[in-house]
C-alpha atoms as a PDB file:
ATOM      1  CA  MET A   1       8.488   2.212  12.791  1.00  0.00           C
ATOM      2  CA  THR A   2       6.815   5.238  12.095  1.00  0.00           C
ATOM      3  CA  GLN A   3       3.537   5.278  10.143  1.00  0.00           C
ATOM      4  CA  THR A   4       4.986   6.845   7.154  1.00  0.00           C
ATOM      5  CA  ARG A   5       7.549   4.543   6.841  1.00  0.00           C
ATOM      6  CA  GLN A   6       5.105   1.547   7.359  1.00  0.00           C
ATOM      7  CA  PHE A   7       3.078   3.244   4.473  1.00  0.00           C
ATOM      8  CA  ILE A   8       5.818   3.357   2.119  1.00  0.00           C
ATOM      9  CA  ASP A   9       7.134  -0.203   2.963  1.00  0.00           C
ATOM     10  CA  GLN A  10       3.620  -1.676   2.502  1.00  0.00           C
ATOM     11  CA  LEU A  11       3.464   0.299  -1.053  1.00  0.00           C
ATOM     12  CA  ALA A  12       6.559  -1.030  -2.038  1.00  0.00           C
ATOM     13  CA  ALA A  13       5.603  -4.519  -0.912  1.00  0.00           C
ATOM     14  CA  GLY A  14       2.361  -4.037  -2.859  1.00  0.00           C
ATOM     15  CA  GLU A  15       0.251  -4.429  -0.036  1.00  0.00           C
ATOM     16  CA  SER A  16      -2.269  -1.851  -1.091  1.00  0.00           C
ATOM     17  CA  SER A  17      -5.153  -2.799   1.516  1.00  0.00           C
ATOM     18  CA  SER A  18      -2.929  -2.408   4.267  1.00  0.00           C
ATOM     19  CA  ALA A  19      -1.536   0.826   2.831  1.00  0.00           C
ATOM     20  CA  LYS A  20      -4.664   2.189   2.523  1.00  0.00           C
ATOM     21  CA  ASP A  21      -5.622   1.678   6.209  1.00  0.00           C
ATOM     22  CA  THR A  22      -2.189   2.925   7.250  1.00  0.00           C
ATOM     23  CA  LEU A  23      -2.688   6.181   5.002  1.00  0.00           C
ATOM     24  CA  GLU A  24      -6.207   6.691   6.361  1.00  0.00           C
ATOM     25  CA  ASN A  25      -4.810   6.417  10.210  1.00  0.00           C
ATOM     26  CA  LEU A  26      -1.928   8.801   9.237  1.00  0.00           C
ATOM     27  CA  ILE A  27      -4.229  11.619   7.561  1.00  0.00           C
ATOM     28  CA  SER A  28      -6.684  11.197  10.436  1.00  0.00           C
ATOM     29  CA  THR A  29      -3.630  11.637  13.006  1.00  0.00           C
ATOM     30  CA  LYS A  30      -2.414  14.598  11.095  1.00  0.00           C
ATOM     31  CA  ALA A  31      -5.787  16.326  10.778  1.00  0.00           C
ATOM     32  CA  PHE A  32      -6.280  15.948  14.379  1.00  0.00           C
ATOM     33  CA  GLU A  33      -3.029  17.587  15.286  1.00  0.00           C
ATOM     34  CA  ALA A  34      -3.731  20.585  12.864  1.00  0.00           C
ATOM     35  CA  LEU A  35      -7.276  20.716  14.483  1.00  0.00           C
ATOM     36  CA  ASP A  36      -6.108  20.900  18.113  1.00  0.00           C
ATOM     37  CA  GLY A  37      -3.136  23.439  17.005  1.00  0.00           C
ATOM     38  CA  TYR A  38      -6.289  25.615  15.639  1.00  0.00           C
ATOM     39  CA  LYS A  39      -8.144  25.279  18.446  1.00  0.00           C
ATOM     40  CA  LYS A  40      -5.259  26.406  20.922  1.00  0.00           C
ATOM     41  CA  GLU A  41      -4.557  29.652  18.556  1.00  0.00           C
ATOM     42  CA  ILE A  42      -8.386  30.538  18.429  1.00  0.00           C
ATOM     43  CA  SER A  43      -8.831  30.213  22.192  1.00  0.00           C
ATOM     44  CA  SER A  44      -5.737  32.033  22.918  1.00  0.00           C
ATOM     45  CA  SER A  45      -6.906  34.775  20.791  1.00  0.00           C
ATOM     46  CA  ILE A  46     -10.366  35.039  22.511  1.00  0.00           C
ATOM     47  CA  PHE A  47      -9.168  34.597  25.967  1.00  0.00           C
ATOM     48  CA  GLY A  48      -5.968  35.931  25.845  1.00  0.00           C
ATOM     49  CA  GLY A  49      -6.588  39.380  23.868  1.00  0.00           C
ATOM     50  CA  VAL A  50      -5.941  39.748  20.193  1.00  0.00           C
ATOM     51  CA  GLN A  51      -2.484  39.309  19.137  1.00  0.00           C
ATOM     52  CA  GLU A  52      -0.968  41.893  16.965  1.00  0.00           C
ATOM     53  CA  GLU A  53       1.255  40.932  14.161  1.00  0.00           C
ATOM     54  CA  THR A  54       4.739  42.640  14.136  1.00  0.00           C
ATOM     55  CA  GLU A  55       6.085  44.133  11.056  1.00  0.00           C
ATOM     56  CA  GLU A  56       8.407  41.257  10.651  1.00  0.00           C
ATOM     57  CA  GLU A  57       5.633  38.786  10.800  1.00  0.00           C
ATOM     58  CA  LEU A  58       3.998  40.905   8.091  1.00  0.00           C
ATOM     59  CA  ALA A  59       6.844  41.135   5.951  1.00  0.00           C
ATOM     60  CA  MET A  60       7.563  37.219   6.395  1.00  0.00           C
ATOM     61  CA  GLU A  61       3.796  36.716   5.206  1.00  0.00           C
ATOM     62  CA  GLU A  62       4.291  38.639   1.862  1.00  0.00           C
ATOM     63  CA  THR A  63       7.589  36.665   0.946  1.00  0.00           C
ATOM     64  CA  GLU A  64       6.120  33.248   1.844  1.00  0.00           C
ATOM     65  CA  GLN A  65       5.982  30.694  -1.095  1.00  0.00           C
ATOM     66  CA  LEU A  66       2.394  30.373  -2.381  1.00  0.00           C
ATOM     67  CA  ASP A  67       2.791  27.523  -4.517  1.00  0.00           C
ATOM     68  CA  GLU A  68       2.809  25.088  -1.637  1.00  0.00           C
ATOM     69  CA  LEU A  69      -0.180  22.521  -1.253  1.00  0.00           C
ATOM     70  CA  SER A  70      -2.063  22.232   1.863  1.00  0.00           C
ATOM     71  CA  LYS A  71      -2.081  19.279   3.811  1.00  0.00           C
ATOM     72  CA  GLY A  72      -5.425  18.617   2.964  1.00  0.00           C
ATOM     73  CA  THR A  73      -4.667  18.473  -0.870  1.00  0.00           C
ATOM     74  CA  LEU A  74      -1.815  16.419  -0.556  1.00  0.00           C
ATOM     75  CA  GLY A  75      -3.575  13.878   1.479  1.00  0.00           C
ATOM     76  CA  SER A  76      -6.164  13.658  -1.001  1.00  0.00           C
ATOM     77  CA  TYR A  77      -3.659  13.345  -3.791  1.00  0.00           C
ATOM     78  CA  VAL A  78      -2.123  10.318  -1.591  1.00  0.00           C
ATOM     79  CA  LYS A  79      -5.429   8.711  -0.933  1.00  0.00           C
ATOM     80  CA  LYS A  80      -6.540   8.797  -4.599  1.00  0.00           C
ATOM     81  CA  ALA A  81      -2.853   7.783  -6.180  1.00  0.00           C
ATOM     82  CA  ALA A  82      -2.310   4.931  -3.816  1.00  0.00           C
ATOM     83  CA  LYS A  83      -5.783   3.445  -5.331  1.00  0.00           C
ATOM     84  CA  ASN A  84      -4.760   4.489  -8.866  1.00  0.00           C
ATOM     85  CA  GLN A  85      -1.292   2.749  -8.313  1.00  0.00           C
ATOM     86  CA  ALA A  86      -2.832  -0.602  -6.677  1.00  0.00           C
ATOM     87  CA  ASP A  87      -5.372  -0.796  -9.702  1.00  0.00           C
ATOM     88  CA  HIS A  88      -2.794  -0.332 -12.291  1.00  0.00           C
ATOM     89  CA  SER A  89      -0.460  -2.717 -10.878  1.00  0.00           C
ATOM     90  CA  PHE A  90      -3.368  -5.411 -10.435  1.00  0.00           C
ATOM     91  CA  ASP A  91      -4.072  -4.774 -14.343  1.00  0.00           C
ATOM     92  CA  HIS A  92      -0.211  -5.172 -15.080  1.00  0.00           C
ATOM     93  CA  GLY A  93      -0.099  -8.242 -13.075  1.00  0.00           C
ATOM     94  CA  GLU A  94      -3.340  -9.478 -15.069  1.00  0.00           C
ATOM     95  CA  SER A  95      -1.833  -8.497 -18.721  1.00  0.00           C
ATOM     96  CA  GLU A  96      -1.879 -11.722 -20.815  1.00  0.00           C
ATOM     97  CA  HIS A  97       0.849 -10.537 -22.797  1.00  0.00           C
ATOM     98  CA  ARG A  98       2.957 -10.137 -19.586  1.00  0.00           C
ATOM     99  CA  GLN A  99       1.834 -13.694 -18.440  1.00  0.00           C
ATOM    100  CA  TYR A 100       2.165 -15.654 -21.754  1.00  0.00           C
ATOM    101  CA  GLY A 101       3.647 -13.413 -24.381  1.00  0.00           C
ATOM    102  CA  GLU A 102       7.325 -13.521 -25.368  1.00  0.00           C
ATOM    103  CA  PRO A 103       9.352 -10.075 -25.363  1.00  0.00           C
ATOM    104  CA  GLY A 104       9.463  -8.941 -29.002  1.00  0.00           C
ATOM    105  CA  ASP A 105       6.675 -10.783 -30.638  1.00  0.00           C
ATOM    106  CA  ASP A 106       4.192  -7.764 -30.330  1.00  0.00           C
ATOM    107  CA  PRO A 107       6.114  -4.567 -30.133  1.00  0.00           C
ATOM    108  CA  GLU A 108       3.158  -2.481 -29.431  1.00  0.00           C
ATOM    109  CA  ALA A 109       2.254  -4.718 -26.410  1.00  0.00           C
ATOM    110  CA  ASP A 110       5.790  -4.447 -25.329  1.00  0.00           C
ATOM    111  CA  LYS A 111       5.760  -0.779 -25.585  1.00  0.00           C
ATOM    112  CA  ASP A 112       2.360  -0.714 -23.582  1.00  0.00           C
ATOM    113  CA  LEU A 113       3.781  -2.985 -20.917  1.00  0.00           C
ATOM    114  CA  ALA A 114       6.812  -0.615 -20.630  1.00  0.00           C
ATOM    115  CA  ASP A 115       4.366   2.352 -20.416  1.00  0.00           C
ATOM    116  CA  THR A 116       2.307   0.894 -17.671  1.00  0.00           C
ATOM    117  CA  GLU A 117       5.713  -0.164 -15.437  1.00  0.00           C
ATOM    118  CA  ARG A 118       7.017   3.366 -15.997  1.00  0.00           C
ATOM    119  CA  ASN A 119       3.511   4.878 -14.856  1.00  0.00           C
ATOM    120  CA  ILE A 120       3.423   2.669 -11.640  1.00  0.00           C
ATOM    121  CA  ALA A 121       7.016   3.858 -10.878  1.00  0.00           C
ATOM    122  CA  ASN A 122       6.313   7.508 -11.435  1.00  0.00           C
ATOM    123  CA  ARG A 123       2.951   7.219  -9.412  1.00  0.00           C
ATOM    124  CA  GLU A 124       5.257   5.349  -6.328  1.00  0.00           C
ATOM    125  CA  LYS A 125       7.639   8.418  -6.467  1.00  0.00           C
ATOM    126  CA  GLY A 126       4.793  11.196  -6.458  1.00  0.00           C
ATOM    127  CA  ILE A 127       3.174   9.223  -3.304  1.00  0.00           C
ATOM    128  CA  GLY A 128       6.504   9.317  -1.633  1.00  0.00           C
ATOM    129  CA  ARG A 129       7.073  13.008  -2.448  1.00  0.00           C
ATOM    130  CA  ALA A 130       3.523  13.857  -1.393  1.00  0.00           C
ATOM    131  CA  VAL A 131       3.676  11.699   1.862  1.00  0.00           C
ATOM    132  CA  LYS A 132       7.176  13.497   2.564  1.00  0.00           C
ATOM    133  CA  ARG A 133       5.666  16.896   2.341  1.00  0.00           C
ATOM    134  CA  LEU A 134       2.751  15.835   4.411  1.00  0.00           C
ATOM    135  CA  VAL A 135       4.842  14.976   7.329  1.00  0.00           C
ATOM    136  CA  LYS A 136       7.057  17.986   7.695  1.00  0.00           C
END
């Protein structure tokens, strides 16, 4: 099982502590892989001469999408969002209205409960999207 799949499964199961550990390992691995690539690139330019970019490469640079987020930004989002989701899930589970209230007896509390559930689900989707982009 890949670390990404393991992370997603742990989030879905509500295992926030183990999901946090898996996420930190995943981010660390990705960061070291990226650094290794940069080291190789720098050493080849130092010891192998300067590589000039072709016109085709320059044209590709001009047409690249500029709205993509860096892996560091995505990792930071996932780390903070996972903690936020865990906190909201805990608060939701500890809600007195959810535990002891009857549906319909307090419409405002019912709405707050539904909003919290929707926010938790949306946060989970956002984390999934960020992880998907992170492992591309």
